[in-house]
């Protein structure tokens, strides 16, 4: 399969050349996902340079990890969430208007941890870790200390947890995916 991958890279380079573009091998990398992900492999060689193997790759803002199965790393997204929330919270100062802070959190901070989720198959523990981020922020906003109080505040202010947001966005994503005639996409997501 490595020969096929090399051939595909060559085809991509040829096509890019036809449209006056060039593959930047220094900004490109390969990752392996599957049972033999840790096996040593030759680098992919193109006329523009060598494409090396990596343990992770960032694609469209999502960090994909090499491993036995497809896995995404959300640590950078969580950092961005906390940074944006803390910036909002500190700028509000003593004039803390809960409605304004909640709106800003929902429109600025929460998208940091929900970006691209709908296209991924997320397990319960990952969703729980993302929910933990939201709960930490809500503990700070509402100045409460128990999950029961947070659940009550979320109910009163109509705030969805990350799991609910994920399920809702995933339904919308799959409904729009079913309207496409691209058999490859339908097959990948198991809806075709």
C-alpha atoms as a PDB file:
ATOM      1  CA  UNK A   1       0.000   0.000   0.000  1.00  0.00           C
ATOM      2  CA  UNK A   2       3.000   2.311   0.477  1.00  0.00           C
ATOM      3  CA  UNK A   3       3.711   2.129  -3.264  1.00  0.00           C
ATOM      4  CA  UNK A   4       0.089   3.149  -3.888  1.00  0.00           C
ATOM      5  CA  UNK A   5       0.446   6.068  -1.476  1.00  0.00           C
ATOM      6  CA  UNK A   6       3.638   7.194  -3.230  1.00  0.00           C
ATOM      7  CA  UNK A   7       1.845   6.925  -6.577  1.00  0.00           C
ATOM      8  CA  UNK A   8      -1.101   8.970  -5.256  1.00  0.00           C
ATOM      9  CA  UNK A   9       1.321  11.657  -3.994  1.00  0.00           C
ATOM     10  CA  UNK A  10       2.924  11.778  -7.456  1.00  0.00           C
ATOM     11  CA  UNK A  11      -0.492  12.147  -9.098  1.00  0.00           C
ATOM     12  CA  UNK A  12      -1.343  14.989  -6.713  1.00  0.00           C
ATOM     13  CA  UNK A  13       1.957  16.723  -7.523  1.00  0.00           C
ATOM     14  CA  UNK A  14       1.282  16.392 -11.258  1.00  0.00           C
ATOM     15  CA  UNK A  15      -2.227  17.803 -10.903  1.00  0.00           C
ATOM     16  CA  UNK A  16      -1.008  20.672  -8.723  1.00  0.00           C
ATOM     17  CA  UNK A  17       1.676  21.414 -11.292  1.00  0.00           C
ATOM     18  CA  UNK A  18      -0.988  21.645 -14.041  1.00  0.00           C
ATOM     19  CA  UNK A  19      -2.795  24.360 -12.086  1.00  0.00           C
ATOM     20  CA  UNK A  20       0.473  26.190 -11.280  1.00  0.00           C
ATOM     21  CA  UNK A  21       0.625  25.113  -7.644  1.00  0.00           C
ATOM     22  CA  UNK A  22       3.324  23.223  -5.803  1.00  0.00           C
ATOM     23  CA  UNK A  23       3.149  20.746  -2.922  1.00  0.00           C
ATOM     24  CA  UNK A  24       5.003  22.082   0.107  1.00  0.00           C
ATOM     25  CA  UNK A  25       6.579  18.924   1.526  1.00  0.00           C
ATOM     26  CA  UNK A  26       7.808  20.795   4.604  1.00  0.00           C
ATOM     27  CA  UNK A  27       4.205  21.627   5.561  1.00  0.00           C
ATOM     28  CA  UNK A  28       2.879  18.170   4.677  1.00  0.00           C
ATOM     29  CA  UNK A  29       2.942  14.961   6.693  1.00  0.00           C
ATOM     30  CA  UNK A  30       1.372  11.509   6.873  1.00  0.00           C
ATOM     31  CA  UNK A  31      -0.127   9.676   9.824  1.00  0.00           C
ATOM     32  CA  UNK A  32      -1.041   6.030  10.243  1.00  0.00           C
ATOM     33  CA  UNK A  33      -4.319   4.869  11.740  1.00  0.00           C
ATOM     34  CA  UNK A  34      -4.903   1.167  12.261  1.00  0.00           C
ATOM     35  CA  UNK A  35      -3.458  -1.895  13.995  1.00  0.00           C
ATOM     36  CA  UNK A  36       0.026  -1.330  12.523  1.00  0.00           C
ATOM     37  CA  UNK A  37       0.180   2.399  13.258  1.00  0.00           C
ATOM     38  CA  UNK A  38       3.448   2.085  15.221  1.00  0.00           C
ATOM     39  CA  UNK A  39       5.308   0.099  12.544  1.00  0.00           C
ATOM     40  CA  UNK A  40       8.233   1.897  10.943  1.00  0.00           C
ATOM     41  CA  UNK A  41       7.508   3.070   7.402  1.00  0.00           C
ATOM     42  CA  UNK A  42       9.474   4.683   4.594  1.00  0.00           C
ATOM     43  CA  UNK A  43       8.799   8.341   3.975  1.00  0.00           C
ATOM     44  CA  UNK A  44       6.753   9.397   0.974  1.00  0.00           C
ATOM     45  CA  UNK A  45       9.035  10.867  -1.688  1.00  0.00           C
ATOM     46  CA  UNK A  46       7.801  13.491  -4.151  1.00  0.00           C
ATOM     47  CA  UNK A  47       9.655  15.687  -6.618  1.00  0.00           C
ATOM     48  CA  UNK A  48       9.106  18.567  -4.171  1.00  0.00           C
ATOM     49  CA  UNK A  49      10.645  16.792  -1.194  1.00  0.00           C
ATOM     50  CA  UNK A  50      10.101  14.104   1.397  1.00  0.00           C
ATOM     51  CA  UNK A  51       6.803  13.853   3.279  1.00  0.00           C
ATOM     52  CA  UNK A  52       7.543  12.463   6.720  1.00  0.00           C
ATOM     53  CA  UNK A  53       5.393  10.453   9.101  1.00  0.00           C
ATOM     54  CA  UNK A  54       3.991  12.211  12.158  1.00  0.00           C
ATOM     55  CA  UNK A  55       2.216  11.247  15.369  1.00  0.00           C
ATOM     56  CA  UNK A  56      -0.459  13.883  14.830  1.00  0.00           C
ATOM     57  CA  UNK A  57      -1.731  16.146  12.102  1.00  0.00           C
ATOM     58  CA  UNK A  58      -3.774  19.307  12.293  1.00  0.00           C
ATOM     59  CA  UNK A  59      -6.435  19.468   9.598  1.00  0.00           C
ATOM     60  CA  UNK A  60      -8.990  22.288   9.417  1.00  0.00           C
ATOM     61  CA  UNK A  61      -8.290  23.155  13.061  1.00  0.00           C
ATOM     62  CA  UNK A  62      -8.785  19.608  14.342  1.00  0.00           C
ATOM     63  CA  UNK A  63      -5.824  17.590  15.654  1.00  0.00           C
ATOM     64  CA  UNK A  64      -5.983  13.971  14.457  1.00  0.00           C
ATOM     65  CA  UNK A  65      -3.795  11.452  16.290  1.00  0.00           C
ATOM     66  CA  UNK A  66      -2.011   8.419  14.914  1.00  0.00           C
ATOM     67  CA  UNK A  67      -3.221   5.269  16.662  1.00  0.00           C
ATOM     68  CA  UNK A  68      -5.075   1.964  16.470  1.00  0.00           C
ATOM     69  CA  UNK A  69      -8.306   3.816  15.734  1.00  0.00           C
ATOM     70  CA  UNK A  70      -9.340   7.280  14.602  1.00  0.00           C
ATOM     71  CA  UNK A  71      -8.880   9.683  17.495  1.00  0.00           C
ATOM     72  CA  UNK A  72      -8.980  13.457  17.861  1.00  0.00           C
ATOM     73  CA  UNK A  73      -7.085  15.492  20.459  1.00  0.00           C
ATOM     74  CA  UNK A  74      -9.143  18.305  21.998  1.00  0.00           C
ATOM     75  CA  UNK A  75      -6.486  19.705  24.361  1.00  0.00           C
ATOM     76  CA  UNK A  76      -5.790  22.744  22.163  1.00  0.00           C
ATOM     77  CA  UNK A  77      -9.524  23.388  21.723  1.00  0.00           C
ATOM     78  CA  UNK A  78      -9.997  23.233  25.497  1.00  0.00           C
ATOM     79  CA  UNK A  79      -7.157  25.724  26.020  1.00  0.00           C
ATOM     80  CA  UNK A  80      -8.750  28.084  23.496  1.00  0.00           C
ATOM     81  CA  UNK A  81     -12.097  27.707  25.268  1.00  0.00           C
ATOM     82  CA  UNK A  82     -10.621  28.541  28.671  1.00  0.00           C
ATOM     83  CA  UNK A  83      -8.581  31.436  27.237  1.00  0.00           C
ATOM     84  CA  UNK A  84     -11.587  32.995  25.528  1.00  0.00           C
ATOM     85  CA  UNK A  85     -13.896  32.449  28.507  1.00  0.00           C
ATOM     86  CA  UNK A  86     -11.383  33.840  31.016  1.00  0.00           C
ATOM     87  CA  UNK A  87     -10.783  36.866  28.783  1.00  0.00           C
ATOM     88  CA  UNK A  88     -14.545  37.516  28.636  1.00  0.00           C
ATOM     89  CA  UNK A  89     -14.979  36.953  32.360  1.00  0.00           C
ATOM     90  CA  UNK A  90     -12.095  39.223  33.352  1.00  0.00           C
ATOM     91  CA  UNK A  91     -13.244  42.020  31.034  1.00  0.00           C
ATOM     92  CA  UNK A  92     -16.712  41.972  32.550  1.00  0.00           C
ATOM     93  CA  UNK A  93     -15.171  42.833  35.930  1.00  0.00           C
ATOM     94  CA  UNK A  94     -17.474  43.808  38.756  1.00  0.00           C
ATOM     95  CA  UNK A  95     -20.278  44.780  36.379  1.00  0.00           C
ATOM     96  CA  UNK A  96     -21.057  41.109  35.781  1.00  0.00           C
ATOM     97  CA  UNK A  97     -24.265  40.875  33.752  1.00  0.00           C
ATOM     98  CA  UNK A  98     -25.038  37.150  33.635  1.00  0.00           C
ATOM     99  CA  UNK A  99     -27.151  37.410  30.461  1.00  0.00           C
ATOM    100  CA  UNK A 100     -24.415  39.231  28.553  1.00  0.00           C
ATOM    101  CA  UNK A 101     -21.692  36.865  29.786  1.00  0.00           C
ATOM    102  CA  UNK A 102     -23.782  33.793  28.911  1.00  0.00           C
ATOM    103  CA  UNK A 103     -24.468  35.136  25.426  1.00  0.00           C
ATOM    104  CA  UNK A 104     -20.786  35.909  24.842  1.00  0.00           C
ATOM    105  CA  UNK A 105     -19.768  32.513  26.209  1.00  0.00           C
ATOM    106  CA  UNK A 106     -22.227  30.746  23.910  1.00  0.00           C
ATOM    107  CA  UNK A 107     -21.170  32.715  20.833  1.00  0.00           C
ATOM    108  CA  UNK A 108     -17.405  33.024  21.413  1.00  0.00           C
ATOM    109  CA  UNK A 109     -16.105  30.394  23.860  1.00  0.00           C
ATOM    110  CA  UNK A 110     -18.318  27.344  23.284  1.00  0.00           C
ATOM    111  CA  UNK A 111     -17.616  27.231  19.506  1.00  0.00           C
ATOM    112  CA  UNK A 112     -13.953  26.689  20.436  1.00  0.00           C
ATOM    113  CA  UNK A 113     -14.794  23.209  21.780  1.00  0.00           C
ATOM    114  CA  UNK A 114     -17.670  22.346  19.441  1.00  0.00           C
ATOM    115  CA  UNK A 115     -15.990  23.181  16.116  1.00  0.00           C
ATOM    116  CA  UNK A 116     -16.239  20.215  13.757  1.00  0.00           C
ATOM    117  CA  UNK A 117     -17.789  17.841  16.330  1.00  0.00           C
ATOM    118  CA  UNK A 118     -20.749  16.928  14.149  1.00  0.00           C
ATOM    119  CA  UNK A 119     -18.534  15.186  11.585  1.00  0.00           C
ATOM    120  CA  UNK A 120     -16.820  13.047  14.216  1.00  0.00           C
ATOM    121  CA  UNK A 121     -17.831   9.949  16.128  1.00  0.00           C
ATOM    122  CA  UNK A 122     -17.148  11.127  19.702  1.00  0.00           C
ATOM    123  CA  UNK A 123     -17.166   8.697  22.635  1.00  0.00           C
ATOM    124  CA  UNK A 124     -18.815   9.370  26.000  1.00  0.00           C
ATOM    125  CA  UNK A 125     -15.596  10.101  27.875  1.00  0.00           C
ATOM    126  CA  UNK A 126     -14.537  12.754  25.352  1.00  0.00           C
ATOM    127  CA  UNK A 127     -17.978  14.380  25.499  1.00  0.00           C
ATOM    128  CA  UNK A 128     -17.765  14.309  29.306  1.00  0.00           C
ATOM    129  CA  UNK A 129     -14.367  16.041  29.202  1.00  0.00           C
ATOM    130  CA  UNK A 130     -15.789  18.758  26.934  1.00  0.00           C
ATOM    131  CA  UNK A 131     -18.822  19.096  29.218  1.00  0.00           C
ATOM    132  CA  UNK A 132     -16.407  19.499  32.132  1.00  0.00           C
ATOM    133  CA  UNK A 133     -14.993  22.642  30.446  1.00  0.00           C
ATOM    134  CA  UNK A 134     -18.455  24.140  30.069  1.00  0.00           C
ATOM    135  CA  UNK A 135     -19.381  23.246  33.657  1.00  0.00           C
ATOM    136  CA  UNK A 136     -16.221  24.941  34.994  1.00  0.00           C
ATOM    137  CA  UNK A 137     -17.201  28.125  33.180  1.00  0.00           C
ATOM    138  CA  UNK A 138     -20.780  27.929  34.425  1.00  0.00           C
ATOM    139  CA  UNK A 139     -19.594  27.353  38.022  1.00  0.00           C
ATOM    140  CA  UNK A 140     -17.704  30.632  37.688  1.00  0.00           C
ATOM    141  CA  UNK A 141     -20.586  32.546  36.089  1.00  0.00           C
ATOM    142  CA  UNK A 142     -23.296  31.412  38.484  1.00  0.00           C
ATOM    143  CA  UNK A 143     -20.979  31.161  41.524  1.00  0.00           C
ATOM    144  CA  UNK A 144     -22.299  27.746  42.506  1.00  0.00           C
ATOM    145  CA  UNK A 145     -20.416  24.595  43.502  1.00  0.00           C
ATOM    146  CA  UNK A 146     -22.612  21.560  42.789  1.00  0.00           C
ATOM    147  CA  UNK A 147     -23.661  19.818  39.591  1.00  0.00           C
ATOM    148  CA  UNK A 148     -27.282  19.952  40.702  1.00  0.00           C
ATOM    149  CA  UNK A 149     -27.146  23.758  40.921  1.00  0.00           C
ATOM    150  CA  UNK A 150     -25.478  23.967  37.515  1.00  0.00           C
ATOM    151  CA  UNK A 151     -28.177  21.704  36.037  1.00  0.00           C
ATOM    152  CA  UNK A 152     -30.843  23.980  37.513  1.00  0.00           C
ATOM    153  CA  UNK A 153     -29.140  27.137  36.169  1.00  0.00           C
ATOM    154  CA  UNK A 154     -28.749  25.509  32.745  1.00  0.00           C
ATOM    155  CA  UNK A 155     -32.439  24.641  32.753  1.00  0.00           C
ATOM    156  CA  UNK A 156     -33.499  28.160  33.800  1.00  0.00           C
ATOM    157  CA  UNK A 157     -31.273  29.855  31.193  1.00  0.00           C
ATOM    158  CA  UNK A 158     -31.956  27.210  28.516  1.00  0.00           C
ATOM    159  CA  UNK A 159     -28.288  26.255  28.124  1.00  0.00           C
ATOM    160  CA  UNK A 160     -27.547  22.959  26.384  1.00  0.00           C
ATOM    161  CA  UNK A 161     -24.646  20.818  27.540  1.00  0.00           C
ATOM    162  CA  UNK A 162     -22.015  19.729  25.026  1.00  0.00           C
ATOM    163  CA  UNK A 163     -23.584  16.286  24.616  1.00  0.00           C
ATOM    164  CA  UNK A 164     -26.938  17.849  23.633  1.00  0.00           C
ATOM    165  CA  UNK A 165     -25.226  20.314  21.276  1.00  0.00           C
ATOM    166  CA  UNK A 166     -23.267  17.448  19.702  1.00  0.00           C
ATOM    167  CA  UNK A 167     -26.348  15.278  19.134  1.00  0.00           C
ATOM    168  CA  UNK A 168     -28.349  18.174  17.681  1.00  0.00           C
ATOM    169  CA  UNK A 169     -25.537  19.272  15.350  1.00  0.00           C
ATOM    170  CA  UNK A 170     -24.842  15.672  14.336  1.00  0.00           C
ATOM    171  CA  UNK A 171     -28.499  15.168  13.319  1.00  0.00           C
ATOM    172  CA  UNK A 172     -28.393  18.330  11.233  1.00  0.00           C
ATOM    173  CA  UNK A 173     -25.101  17.212   9.656  1.00  0.00           C
ATOM    174  CA  UNK A 174     -26.376  13.731   8.745  1.00  0.00           C
ATOM    175  CA  UNK A 175     -29.665  15.115   7.395  1.00  0.00           C
ATOM    176  CA  UNK A 176     -27.758  17.443   5.085  1.00  0.00           C
ATOM    177  CA  UNK A 177     -25.330  14.632   4.184  1.00  0.00           C
ATOM    178  CA  UNK A 178     -28.205  12.386   3.085  1.00  0.00           C
ATOM    179  CA  UNK A 179     -29.238  15.030   0.552  1.00  0.00           C
ATOM    180  CA  UNK A 180     -25.873  14.724  -1.233  1.00  0.00           C
ATOM    181  CA  UNK A 181     -25.308  12.306  -4.060  1.00  0.00           C
ATOM    182  CA  UNK A 182     -21.652  11.681  -3.155  1.00  0.00           C
ATOM    183  CA  UNK A 183     -21.507   7.925  -2.534  1.00  0.00           C
ATOM    184  CA  UNK A 184     -18.043   8.105  -0.953  1.00  0.00           C
ATOM    185  CA  UNK A 185     -19.225  10.536   1.740  1.00  0.00           C
ATOM    186  CA  UNK A 186     -22.342   8.492   2.374  1.00  0.00           C
ATOM    187  CA  UNK A 187     -20.264   5.302   2.699  1.00  0.00           C
ATOM    188  CA  UNK A 188     -17.705   6.894   5.063  1.00  0.00           C
ATOM    189  CA  UNK A 189     -20.406   8.096   7.419  1.00  0.00           C
ATOM    190  CA  UNK A 190     -22.443   4.890   7.127  1.00  0.00           C
ATOM    191  CA  UNK A 191     -25.583   6.533   5.796  1.00  0.00           C
ATOM    192  CA  UNK A 192     -25.435   5.175   2.247  1.00  0.00           C
END
